[in-house]
């Protein structure tokens, strides 16, 4: 029926059918008794379909809760507890090692970069939550201790023309960077190359709605050069894998921190660079960082499979509903009974009743209201 409506309608941008044309639409007419059986069957199947749809609709929230529980377990040390017991004296990253890693990263990228750095914050151990115990070999650090560069993005107006892609807050989705609705700046823009992204840079969304502010992701590279907009902050991380820092900020611990430090503005929430530098994060030994990342990757792959299955299930359910209707109007949904009054007899009776009733009264047009009436 939908195919016929599209084929017979006029115009291009906005399809149109008048009442006379719609009256000529071909409709398959089943015997009245069979119609009742069809409706009853469709109602039964529609109830099952609705329950399946409701079950599918709960899955995204369950997936998000599972993802958050995995991240929480990772930063409590639970994901790697069994592995850690088999190791022989994991050593924490010392202040001297962390300072050296920061200096190496700073020396590698400081040319042409204006970071606006301020004085160091107090040590992480002094401001870590009381009772927040860490596994053996772990220690608390601030983002300021980890990141020699904490940098705001460009405020320049972007366009859809080719050039350097400027990532915005909408490009951070579920802990990853997506390249949808991208905009650009010319390659000769005055803030380049200082604001060009390097693989491994962490992008933090400093301004957004209260539920989304603080989301972050790691830039993994792109086919062209990329930069970042002013609502994002770029972090260059030393001593802790940037993917782990991003995962921590996106975890329940990071979300709780964000809710506690956020500043409300007109319709927006904000977490500035100074507050971000003061964030305290756990720093596992280097070997354990790699193991945590492997386990997180395995869970992410499992989640991705479930999401794919959810997408397939939703598509199949939509197709199933159309298939039920198609079978109904092919006469395949319910058994046919040769004792049913034929549809032709029903149609003749309808025509006779209409003829006896006479022509339908013409609907008079209402006069247009006078101006000012």
Foldseek 3Di string as FASTA:
>chain_A
DVVVQVVPFDDDPDTDDDPVRVVPDDAQDFFPVLVVVLVVLLVVVVVVLVVVVVVLVCVVVVLVVVLQVLLVCLQQVNVCVVVVVPDDQAAAQDLVNLVVQQVVVCVVQVVLADQVDDDADPAQVVVPDPPSDHPPRKDKGFLLSFFPHKAFFAADDWAQDDAAWADELVQQDPQEGHCPPITHDHNVDPSPPNFWDDFQKKKAQFKDALQRHGQIYTDHDDPHIYGYHRRIIITDGGQARSSSVNSNCVHPNNSVLSNVQWDDDVRMIGDDPVSRRGDMGMHHRPVVNVVSVVVSVVSVVVSVVVVVVSVVVVVVSVVVSVVSVVCSSVVNNDDDDPPRDGVVVVVVVVVVVDVVVPDDDDDDDDDDDDVPD
